[in-house]
Protein backbone atom coordinates (compact mmCIF):
# COMPACT_ATOMS: atom_id res chain seq x y z
CA MET A 1 19.11 22.95 92.87
CA SER A 2 18.48 24.36 96.04
CA GLY A 3 21.54 25.01 98.92
CA THR A 4 19.08 24.88 101.80
CA THR A 5 19.92 20.94 101.87
CA GLY A 6 23.41 20.81 102.18
CA GLY A 7 26.62 22.38 103.82
CA GLY A 8 29.62 24.02 102.02
CA GLY A 9 29.88 24.67 98.62
CA ASP A 10 26.04 23.25 98.55
CA ALA A 11 24.83 25.79 100.15
CA LYS A 12 26.15 28.09 98.13
CA ILE A 13 24.22 26.90 95.11
CA LEU A 14 20.23 28.55 95.10
CA SER A 15 17.11 28.27 92.91
CA ARG A 16 16.27 31.58 91.23
CA GLU A 17 13.15 31.93 93.95
CA GLU A 18 16.11 31.29 96.77
CA LEU A 19 18.17 33.96 94.99
CA VAL A 20 15.62 36.58 94.83
CA ARG A 21 15.11 36.24 98.49
CA ARG A 22 18.70 36.75 98.99
CA ARG A 23 18.92 39.58 96.80
CA GLU A 24 16.29 41.32 99.06
CA GLU A 25 18.61 40.55 102.19
CA LEU A 26 21.62 42.18 100.17
CA ARG A 27 19.83 44.80 99.15
CA ALA A 28 18.17 45.71 103.04
CA ASP A 29 21.99 45.57 104.29
CA GLY A 30 23.41 48.04 101.52
CA ARG A 31 25.75 45.26 100.14
CA ARG A 32 27.06 45.63 96.71
CA LEU A 33 25.90 42.32 94.23
CA VAL A 34 28.36 41.38 91.35
CA GLN A 35 27.36 38.82 88.85
CA CYS A 36 29.19 36.66 86.22
CA HIS A 37 27.47 34.52 83.76
CA GLY A 38 28.66 31.85 81.52
CA CYS A 39 29.08 27.96 80.78
CA PHE A 40 32.35 27.48 82.74
CA ASP A 41 32.75 23.80 81.42
CA VAL A 42 36.37 23.83 82.47
CA VAL A 43 37.29 26.29 84.76
CA HIS A 44 40.61 26.92 84.00
CA PRO A 45 43.16 30.08 85.27
CA GLY A 46 41.36 32.19 82.91
CA HIS A 47 38.29 31.93 84.75
CA ILE A 48 39.96 31.99 88.19
CA ARG A 49 41.46 35.83 87.07
CA TYR A 50 37.92 37.20 85.68
CA LEU A 51 36.31 35.77 88.70
CA LYS A 52 38.48 37.04 91.50
CA PHE A 53 38.30 40.48 89.57
CA ALA A 54 34.54 40.47 89.73
CA ARG A 55 34.84 39.65 93.03
CA SER A 56 37.17 42.87 94.04
CA LEU A 57 34.66 45.10 92.59
CA GLY A 58 31.74 44.31 95.14
CA ASP A 59 30.63 42.45 98.34
CA ILE A 60 29.01 39.32 97.14
CA LEU A 61 29.63 37.34 93.74
CA LEU A 62 26.86 35.31 92.13
CA VAL A 63 27.74 33.12 89.32
CA SER A 64 24.86 32.20 86.70
CA VAL A 65 25.87 29.13 84.83
CA SER A 66 24.36 28.14 81.57
CA ALA A 67 22.09 24.82 81.73
CA ASP A 68 23.45 22.13 79.77
CA GLU A 69 20.90 22.32 77.42
CA ALA A 70 21.05 26.16 77.04
CA VAL A 71 25.40 25.91 75.60
CA GLY A 72 25.42 26.32 72.34
CA LYS A 73 28.97 25.40 71.73
CA GLY A 74 28.19 22.00 69.69
CA TYR A 75 26.53 18.68 70.14
CA ASP A 76 28.85 17.19 72.48
CA ARG A 77 29.49 20.55 74.42
CA PRO A 78 29.47 21.09 78.08
CA TYR A 79 31.81 18.56 78.39
CA VAL A 80 31.16 18.78 82.24
CA PRO A 81 27.71 18.11 83.13
CA GLU A 82 25.64 21.01 84.89
CA GLU A 83 25.59 19.78 88.36
CA LEU A 84 29.36 19.52 88.68
CA ARG A 85 30.22 23.03 87.03
CA LEU A 86 27.88 24.23 89.86
CA GLU A 87 29.68 22.55 92.26
CA ASN A 88 33.15 23.58 90.93
CA LEU A 89 32.07 26.87 91.05
CA ALA A 90 30.59 26.78 94.67
CA ALA A 91 33.78 25.20 95.62
CA LEU A 92 35.61 28.36 95.14
CA GLU A 93 36.20 30.52 98.13
CA PHE A 94 35.66 33.76 96.38
CA VAL A 95 32.50 32.75 94.87
CA ASP A 96 29.72 33.82 97.20
CA LEU A 97 26.81 32.57 95.66
CA VAL A 98 25.80 30.11 92.14
CA THR A 99 22.53 29.61 90.44
CA LEU A 100 21.80 27.57 87.33
CA ALA A 101 20.18 29.63 84.27
CA GLY A 102 18.30 27.71 81.85
CA GLU A 103 17.65 30.03 79.36
CA SER A 104 20.16 30.50 76.38
CA TRP A 105 21.42 34.18 77.55
CA GLY A 106 22.20 35.72 81.19
CA GLY A 107 19.02 38.23 80.76
CA PRO A 108 16.04 36.24 83.14
CA VAL A 109 19.01 35.90 85.83
CA LEU A 110 19.78 39.51 85.56
CA GLU A 111 16.17 40.85 85.25
CA ALA A 112 15.46 38.92 88.70
CA VAL A 113 18.11 39.95 90.49
CA GLN A 114 19.40 43.22 89.15
CA PRO A 115 22.80 42.97 90.63
CA ASP A 116 24.60 46.53 91.10
CA VAL A 117 27.58 45.18 88.53
CA TYR A 118 27.29 42.76 85.54
CA VAL A 119 31.07 42.09 84.53
CA LYS A 120 31.89 40.04 81.48
CA GLY A 121 34.96 39.24 79.64
CA ARG A 122 37.35 41.46 77.99
CA GLU A 123 36.86 39.79 74.51
CA TYR A 124 32.99 41.05 74.83
CA GLU A 125 34.21 45.08 74.56
CA TYR A 126 34.83 44.42 71.04
CA ARG A 127 32.24 41.30 69.83
CA ASP A 128 29.42 42.05 68.06
CA ASP A 129 27.39 39.37 70.36
CA PRO A 130 23.51 40.23 70.33
CA ARG A 131 22.95 38.52 73.55
CA PHE A 132 25.22 40.44 74.88
CA ALA A 133 24.04 43.67 73.64
CA ARG A 134 20.62 42.68 75.41
CA GLU A 135 22.02 42.13 78.58
CA LYS A 136 24.18 45.24 78.46
CA ALA A 137 20.95 46.99 77.92
CA LEU A 138 19.18 45.69 80.66
CA VAL A 139 21.52 46.27 83.07
CA GLU A 140 22.04 49.75 82.26
CA GLY A 141 18.10 49.93 82.05
CA TYR A 142 17.76 49.62 85.78
CA GLY A 143 20.80 51.85 86.69
CA GLY A 144 23.54 48.92 87.19
CA GLU A 145 26.74 48.88 85.58
CA VAL A 146 28.78 46.82 83.28
CA VAL A 147 32.86 46.09 83.44
CA PHE A 148 34.74 44.09 81.61
CA GLY A 149 37.00 41.71 82.65
CA SER A 150 40.88 41.44 82.73
CA GLY A 151 41.96 39.61 79.85
CA ASP A 152 45.69 39.28 80.82
CA VAL A 153 45.60 35.76 80.83
CA VAL A 154 43.86 34.24 77.65
CA PHE A 155 42.81 29.83 78.10
CA SER A 156 40.01 27.81 76.55
CA SER A 157 38.06 25.43 77.74
CA THR A 158 36.94 24.41 74.17
CA GLU A 159 40.97 24.20 73.17
CA ILE A 160 41.52 22.12 76.52
CA ILE A 161 38.59 19.54 76.21
CA GLU A 162 39.58 18.97 72.22
CA ARG A 163 43.28 18.49 73.41
CA ARG A 164 42.57 16.60 76.75
CA GLY A 165 39.00 15.64 77.03
CA GLU A 166 39.49 11.88 76.87
CA THR A 167 42.02 12.41 79.96
CA LEU A 168 39.60 14.29 82.09
CA GLY A 169 37.50 11.22 82.86
CA LEU A 170 34.20 12.55 82.80
CA GLY A 171 32.52 10.10 80.47
CA ASP A 172 30.99 8.20 83.01
CA GLU A 173 29.43 11.02 84.68
CA GLN A 174 27.65 12.72 81.47
CA VAL A 175 26.33 9.26 81.11
CA ALA A 176 24.69 9.54 84.53
CA SER A 177 24.16 13.32 83.64
CA TYR A 178 22.24 12.21 80.57
CA CYS A 179 20.24 9.85 82.32
CA ARG A 180 19.13 12.10 85.15
CA ARG A 181 18.01 14.68 82.55
CA TYR A 182 15.71 11.91 80.86
CA GLY A 183 14.60 9.98 83.46
CA ILE A 184 16.55 7.01 82.57
CA ASP A 185 16.87 4.36 85.49
CA LEU A 186 16.53 0.44 85.61
CA PRO A 187 12.67 0.04 86.21
CA ARG A 188 11.86 2.14 83.44
CA LEU A 189 14.18 0.25 81.06
CA ARG A 190 12.80 -2.85 82.10
CA GLY A 191 9.42 -1.61 81.34
CA ILE A 192 10.07 -0.54 77.83
CA LEU A 193 11.64 -4.32 77.36
CA ASP A 194 8.40 -5.89 78.74
CA GLU A 195 6.34 -3.62 76.30
CA VAL A 196 8.14 -4.69 73.06
CA ALA A 197 7.73 -8.18 73.57
CA GLY A 198 4.21 -7.53 72.22
CA LEU A 199 5.72 -5.77 69.36
CA HIS A 200 5.07 -7.14 65.25
CA VAL A 201 7.58 -4.99 63.20
CA LEU A 202 7.63 -5.90 59.30
CA LEU A 203 11.47 -5.64 57.95
CA VAL A 204 12.63 -5.09 54.33
CA GLY A 205 16.31 -5.41 53.07
CA ASP A 206 18.63 -7.71 50.76
CA PRO A 207 19.74 -11.01 52.25
CA ILE A 208 23.23 -10.65 53.40
CA LEU A 209 25.27 -13.52 55.01
CA ASP A 210 28.25 -12.80 57.45
CA ARG A 211 30.89 -14.99 57.66
CA TYR A 212 33.68 -15.13 59.75
CA VAL A 213 37.01 -17.30 58.84
CA PHE A 214 38.85 -17.62 62.05
CA CYS A 215 42.90 -18.22 61.62
CA GLU A 216 46.25 -19.59 63.07
CA SER A 217 48.92 -16.76 63.68
CA ALA A 218 49.95 -15.14 60.46
CA SER A 219 53.40 -15.09 59.31
CA VAL A 220 55.16 -13.89 55.69
CA ALA A 221 54.75 -16.52 53.06
CA GLN A 222 58.37 -17.44 51.55
CA GLU A 223 57.55 -16.97 47.99
CA THR A 224 56.76 -13.32 47.85
CA PRO A 225 56.04 -11.11 51.22
CA ILE A 226 52.22 -11.69 51.80
CA LEU A 227 50.86 -12.96 54.61
CA SER A 228 50.19 -16.83 55.25
CA VAL A 229 47.52 -17.98 57.52
CA SER A 230 45.80 -21.10 58.17
CA PRO A 231 42.23 -21.33 58.86
CA PHE A 232 40.69 -23.55 61.90
CA GLU A 233 37.09 -22.20 61.81
CA GLU A 234 34.16 -20.84 60.02
CA VAL A 235 31.19 -18.95 61.64
CA GLU A 236 28.16 -17.41 59.55
CA TYR A 237 25.51 -14.95 61.14
CA VAL A 238 23.00 -13.40 59.29
CA GLY A 239 23.66 -10.19 58.52
CA GLY A 240 22.25 -6.39 57.35
CA VAL A 241 18.53 -6.19 57.68
CA ALA A 242 18.60 -9.76 59.04
CA ALA A 243 20.78 -8.77 61.95
CA ILE A 244 18.14 -6.16 63.04
CA ALA A 245 15.18 -8.79 62.59
CA SER A 246 16.92 -11.48 64.62
CA GLN A 247 17.92 -8.67 67.53
CA MET A 248 14.24 -7.45 67.60
CA ALA A 249 13.52 -11.41 67.41
CA ALA A 250 15.63 -11.92 70.56
CA LEU A 251 13.76 -9.50 72.72
CA GLY A 252 10.30 -10.84 71.95
CA ALA A 253 9.23 -9.16 69.13
CA GLN A 254 7.29 -10.81 66.54
CA VAL A 255 9.26 -9.97 62.77
CA THR A 256 8.66 -10.60 59.34
CA LEU A 257 11.26 -9.98 57.08
CA LEU A 258 10.59 -9.52 53.28
CA THR A 259 13.36 -9.95 50.69
CA THR A 260 14.61 -11.72 47.66
CA GLU A 261 14.89 -15.16 47.15
CA SER A 262 18.43 -16.38 45.94
CA ARG A 263 19.50 -19.68 44.01
CA ASP A 264 22.19 -20.23 45.87
CA PRO A 265 23.08 -23.05 48.03
CA GLU A 266 23.49 -21.35 50.84
CA TYR A 267 20.30 -19.68 50.67
CA ASP A 268 18.46 -22.08 52.39
CA ARG A 269 20.74 -21.87 55.25
CA TYR A 270 20.59 -18.61 55.77
CA THR A 271 16.53 -18.52 55.98
CA ALA A 272 16.74 -21.73 58.02
CA MET A 273 19.08 -19.45 60.50
CA LEU A 274 16.57 -16.75 60.60
CA GLU A 275 13.58 -19.28 61.30
CA ASP A 276 15.56 -20.95 63.98
CA GLN A 277 15.82 -16.81 65.57
CA GLY A 278 12.04 -16.99 65.33
CA VAL A 279 12.00 -14.29 62.33
CA ALA A 280 9.52 -15.41 59.36
CA VAL A 281 10.87 -14.91 55.93
CA ARG A 282 8.68 -13.99 53.15
CA ALA A 283 10.97 -13.88 49.53
CA VAL A 284 10.34 -13.39 46.19
CA PRO A 285 12.18 -15.30 43.50
CA ALA A 286 14.43 -12.91 41.88
CA GLY A 287 16.28 -14.81 39.49
CA GLU A 288 19.82 -15.07 39.25
CA ARG A 289 19.74 -12.22 42.33
CA PRO A 290 22.23 -13.81 44.67
CA LEU A 291 22.74 -13.71 48.57
CA PHE A 292 25.37 -11.44 49.13
CA ARG A 293 28.57 -12.63 51.24
CA LYS A 294 30.89 -10.78 53.68
CA THR A 295 33.70 -12.83 54.61
CA ARG A 296 36.40 -11.38 57.16
CA TYR A 297 39.43 -13.07 58.25
CA VAL A 298 40.55 -13.08 61.88
CA VAL A 299 43.16 -13.70 63.71
CA GLY A 300 43.21 -13.62 67.41
CA GLU A 301 40.68 -10.01 67.49
CA GLN A 302 42.69 -8.74 64.39
CA LYS A 303 40.41 -8.87 61.50
CA LEU A 304 43.00 -9.37 58.14
CA LEU A 305 40.87 -9.15 55.43
CA LYS A 306 37.47 -8.48 53.98
CA VAL A 307 36.18 -10.12 50.88
CA ASN A 308 32.51 -9.19 49.39
CA GLU A 309 30.97 -11.27 47.31
CA GLY A 310 27.87 -10.28 44.86
CA PRO A 311 27.53 -7.68 42.73
CA PRO A 312 25.29 -4.97 43.17
CA THR A 313 22.28 -6.50 41.61
CA PRO A 314 19.06 -3.94 41.44
CA VAL A 315 15.64 -5.85 41.00
CA SER A 316 13.46 -6.18 38.23
CA LEU A 317 9.94 -4.15 37.54
CA ARG A 318 7.89 -7.29 38.33
CA VAL A 319 10.16 -8.14 41.87
CA THR A 320 9.43 -4.79 42.95
CA GLU A 321 6.27 -5.08 42.30
CA ARG A 322 5.44 -8.51 43.89
CA LEU A 323 7.54 -6.69 46.82
CA GLU A 324 5.01 -3.63 47.13
CA GLY A 325 2.10 -6.52 47.10
CA LEU A 326 3.97 -7.95 49.85
CA LEU A 327 4.44 -4.87 52.11
CA GLU A 328 0.83 -4.06 51.13
CA GLU A 329 -0.20 -7.34 52.48
CA GLU A 330 1.72 -7.76 55.54
CA LEU A 331 1.81 -4.47 56.85
CA PRO A 332 -1.82 -4.60 58.23
CA ARG A 333 -0.84 -7.28 61.04
CA HIS A 334 2.24 -5.27 61.68
CA ASP A 335 3.17 -2.05 63.91
CA ALA A 336 5.55 -0.53 61.66
CA VAL A 337 8.22 -1.26 58.97
CA VAL A 338 11.73 -0.84 59.15
CA ALA A 339 14.08 -0.54 55.61
CA THR A 340 17.28 -0.97 55.25
CA ASP A 341 19.21 -0.01 51.99
CA PHE A 342 22.89 -1.75 52.01
CA GLY A 343 23.39 -0.47 48.26
CA TYR A 344 22.82 -4.03 46.99
CA GLY A 345 19.97 -3.01 44.39
CA LEU A 346 16.75 -3.58 46.15
CA PHE A 347 15.51 -0.07 46.80
CA GLY A 348 14.67 1.28 43.46
CA THR A 349 12.99 4.57 43.03
CA GLN A 350 9.58 2.77 43.03
CA LEU A 351 9.88 0.23 45.67
CA THR A 352 11.47 3.38 48.17
CA LYS A 353 8.42 5.55 47.14
CA ALA A 354 6.08 2.63 47.87
CA VAL A 355 7.42 2.14 51.34
CA ALA A 356 6.74 6.06 52.17
CA ARG A 357 3.39 5.41 50.44
CA VAL A 358 1.83 2.25 52.11
CA SER A 359 3.28 3.25 55.78
CA GLN A 360 1.65 6.64 55.34
CA GLU A 361 -1.74 5.29 53.74
CA GLN A 362 -1.84 2.82 56.36
CA GLY A 363 -1.13 4.92 59.59
CA LYS A 364 2.20 2.77 60.30
CA PRO A 365 5.35 4.16 61.32
CA TYR A 366 8.45 3.36 59.25
CA PHE A 367 12.24 3.85 60.39
CA ALA A 368 14.96 4.22 57.52
CA ASP A 369 18.90 3.22 57.32
CA VAL A 370 21.34 2.99 54.59
CA SER A 371 24.91 1.65 54.80
CA THR A 372 27.78 2.01 52.56
CA ALA A 373 27.88 5.68 51.89
CA GLY A 374 28.27 6.52 48.10
CA GLN A 375 26.05 3.04 47.13
CA ALA A 376 22.80 4.06 49.44
CA HIS A 377 21.52 7.33 50.10
CA LEU A 378 19.79 8.17 52.79
CA LEU A 379 17.34 10.95 51.08
CA LYS A 380 15.36 8.62 48.92
CA PHE A 381 13.58 7.64 52.01
CA SER A 382 11.12 10.31 52.45
CA ARG A 383 8.85 11.01 55.74
CA PRO A 384 10.24 8.26 57.92
CA ARG A 385 9.55 8.17 61.50
CA LEU A 386 12.92 7.99 62.33
CA ALA A 387 15.99 7.41 60.62
CA THR A 388 19.47 6.00 62.50
CA PRO A 389 22.96 6.89 60.21
CA THR A 390 26.12 7.56 60.95
CA GLU A 391 27.56 10.98 60.54
CA SER A 392 29.60 9.91 57.49
CA GLU A 393 26.33 8.59 55.90
CA LEU A 394 24.33 11.63 56.84
CA ARG A 395 27.01 14.27 55.87
CA PHE A 396 27.50 12.54 52.21
CA ALA A 397 23.30 12.49 51.61
CA LEU A 398 23.35 15.91 51.63
CA ALA A 399 26.88 16.66 50.52
CA ASP A 400 27.74 18.59 53.12
CA MET A 401 31.62 17.76 54.76
CA GLU A 402 31.97 21.02 56.42
CA SER A 403 28.87 22.14 58.25
CA GLY A 404 28.37 22.09 61.82
CA LEU A 405 26.48 18.77 62.54
CA VAL A 406 23.61 20.46 64.09
CA VAL A 407 23.02 22.28 60.19
CA VAL A 408 23.46 19.13 58.78
CA ALA A 409 21.00 17.76 61.06
CA LYS A 410 18.61 20.39 59.94
CA GLY A 411 18.94 20.24 56.12
CA TYR A 412 17.88 16.55 56.70
CA LEU A 413 14.77 16.92 58.19
CA ASP A 414 13.73 19.53 56.18
CA ARG A 415 14.39 17.85 52.67
CA SER A 416 13.20 14.23 53.94
CA GLU A 417 10.29 15.51 56.32
CA ALA A 418 11.84 12.62 58.52
CA ASP A 419 10.16 13.11 62.54
CA GLU A 420 13.65 12.86 64.10
CA VAL A 421 17.14 11.52 63.06
CA VAL A 422 19.61 9.91 65.41
CA VAL A 423 22.89 10.30 64.29
CA THR A 424 25.68 7.29 65.90
CA LEU A 425 29.24 8.73 66.29
CA GLY A 426 30.86 5.65 66.43
CA ARG A 427 33.15 5.50 70.05
CA ARG A 428 32.11 9.32 70.61
CA GLY A 429 28.43 7.91 71.23
CA CYS A 430 25.12 9.52 69.28
CA ILE A 431 23.14 12.11 69.30
CA SER A 432 19.47 12.67 68.58
CA PHE A 433 18.02 15.57 66.89
CA SER A 434 14.40 17.14 66.53
CA ARG A 435 12.18 20.03 65.86
CA ALA A 436 12.14 22.49 68.82
CA ASP A 437 8.26 22.44 68.36
CA ALA A 438 5.33 20.91 66.23
CA ASP A 439 4.09 23.70 64.61
CA ALA A 440 7.80 24.89 63.25
CA THR A 441 7.56 28.30 64.70
CA ASP A 442 10.61 27.54 66.44
CA GLN A 443 13.51 26.68 63.63
CA ARG A 444 16.00 25.41 66.37
CA LEU A 445 16.56 21.59 66.59
CA ARG A 446 16.66 20.26 70.19
CA ALA A 447 19.85 17.86 70.60
CA ALA A 448 20.63 14.93 72.98
CA TYR A 449 24.23 13.84 73.35
CA LEU A 450 24.67 10.60 74.88
CA PRO A 451 28.36 9.57 75.18
CA ALA A 452 29.47 5.65 74.41
CA LEU A 453 28.56 3.34 77.05
CA GLY A 454 31.51 1.42 76.42
CA ARG A 455 35.33 1.81 76.02
CA ILE A 456 36.16 -1.56 74.51
CA THR A 457 35.47 -2.59 70.91
CA VAL A 458 36.23 -5.74 69.53
CA ASP A 459 34.30 -5.79 66.56
CA SER A 460 32.24 -3.07 65.15
CA VAL A 461 30.65 -4.78 62.52
CA GLY A 462 26.67 -4.59 63.14
CA ALA A 463 26.63 -2.10 65.65
CA GLY A 464 24.57 0.29 63.70
CA ASP A 465 21.85 -2.68 62.85
CA LEU A 466 21.96 -3.28 66.90
CA PHE A 467 21.36 0.36 67.64
CA LEU A 468 18.68 0.78 65.27
CA SER A 469 16.95 -2.51 66.51
CA GLY A 470 16.54 -1.15 70.28
CA VAL A 471 15.72 2.81 69.05
CA ALA A 472 12.64 1.43 66.83
CA LEU A 473 11.27 -1.20 69.38
CA ALA A 474 11.59 1.58 71.92
CA THR A 475 9.99 4.48 70.05
CA LEU A 476 7.02 2.10 69.23
CA VAL A 477 6.20 1.98 72.44
CA ASP A 478 6.11 5.54 73.06
CA THR A 479 9.56 5.86 74.51
CA PRO A 480 11.13 9.38 73.96
CA THR A 481 13.79 9.29 71.42
CA PRO A 482 16.77 10.18 74.01
CA VAL A 483 15.25 7.36 75.97
CA ALA A 484 15.47 4.80 73.31
CA ALA A 485 18.75 5.83 72.21
CA TYR A 486 20.05 4.93 75.40
CA LEU A 487 18.75 1.40 74.86
CA GLY A 488 19.77 1.41 71.24
CA SER A 489 23.25 2.12 73.03
CA ALA A 490 23.43 -0.73 75.04
CA LEU A 491 22.33 -3.00 72.43
CA ALA A 492 25.28 -1.87 70.39
CA THR A 493 27.54 -1.84 73.05
CA LEU A 494 26.77 -5.71 74.09
CA GLY A 495 27.73 -6.19 70.36
CA VAL A 496 31.01 -4.53 69.68
CA THR A 497 32.48 -6.14 72.81
CA ARG A 498 32.33 -10.00 71.00
CA MET A 499 33.64 -11.03 67.85
CA GLY A 500 30.94 -11.63 65.52
CA ASN A 501 27.77 -10.11 64.09
CA LEU A 502 26.04 -11.38 67.45
CA VAL A 503 22.50 -10.40 69.17
CA SER A 504 21.67 -10.21 72.72
CA ASP A 505 19.13 -11.86 74.23
CA LEU A 506 16.66 -10.46 77.13
CA PRO A 507 18.72 -12.00 79.79
CA ARG A 508 22.12 -10.63 78.64
CA VAL A 509 20.55 -7.44 78.19
CA VAL A 510 18.54 -7.40 81.42
CA SER A 511 22.15 -8.46 83.16
CA PHE A 512 24.25 -5.56 81.16
CA LEU A 513 21.63 -2.68 82.46
CA GLU A 514 21.57 -4.06 86.13
CA ARG A 515 25.57 -3.51 85.72
CA ARG A 516 25.21 -0.11 84.96
CA GLY A 517 26.00 2.15 87.80
CA GLU A 518 23.91 5.08 86.36
CA LEU A 519 20.82 3.55 86.34
CA ARG A 520 21.21 2.79 90.05
CA PRO A 521 18.97 5.22 92.66
């Protein structure tokens, strides 16, 4: 970011090259340069006193600000994007120069400009911080001075964000910053949507039917204190893996669903609904295995009760072998396979291993997802191209409810040998994790946090299925995962704003994207 194009605070924001030139001018004039370095996520009174103190030690105060990707304070930090953090500091009268530091410590800027004084907070005088130890050695090595700032007032950006983050109103700016960082705009997304129309995707999962029973307003029954409602309408949707198939088909992909056949009278209607939506169904007879139904009773926009019909029913070895045969037969005509386990018993050890084996043998990627943590286990799927669990599903799989999310995600990638994982966080958005490099010399993960695109949730049923639909399709046309996550989030946002397990067709998706402020030039 350069300060040559703007006035006021913008003129203080210099690139590394501009900063080095300015430093030479200051040195020639005999002016004393003081530098501070940090995240400065939410500038609070403690920061103000610290910076004022630093300014008093010299003629010019330089503040180097950690870039978004260099801040290691959690998947959703920094809360304030780097552009705004630079602007906030440049607006302070006693700050003379501001620069962005893309590294994880202040050393490269210190080495480039060699300030006369480097000021750190008082807490660093007693903290065993290896990065600061390197900074201190560097400054003292060229003859500079390290000074610890006043510690008379203690505030915490982390505490402020945890307590008041939602009221700061920076969610839209966070999304806009994400789009700028990963080059997401309307033409790029429309190009992705054009490409996915030519894909062929094979899906494997249980047959699930979602039923919504809409009722008149509730009252308390006279004979006992229970709710009394009067149904007036029933609406059915395909659920589970079929919802993913339907959403992919709605965006123009050619989709085939491998599932089990049921003798349930409603099963023919289930397959007819899929065929009407453009999904081809290949079903294996499975005896008395049911059509799994989930019935929700709704008054207004409030769900009162959910009734699940159909107990978990493992499939026989013969059915598994027939599904495996269909997988081997169908996959050559498809670009990828999506396997989703809702915990009803379809994915035994043999079928789960077959998905990984056949995909690898045929050189086709596969995507994995589970639902109902406690019944479906994410680690049963090995070497997927990508998985999209919720945070609770991921933590259940790793039996780790305490570690930071980055630690849990790394544990999953190591144990599953998955390429990447995108963790959905409900109203907080999603975060994608990938390894830092392909040769595994750097063990850190790259994380990309995308806040939720909407604030209104009418019905969250099927949001994860819609999200996976968008991520998988975009990934299959060589879209970087952070960009694919945006498209998945857009589909999920459209879904949760309507009651029922609904999918969005292409015109509706494009209309939604055209209204997004962060996608405009």
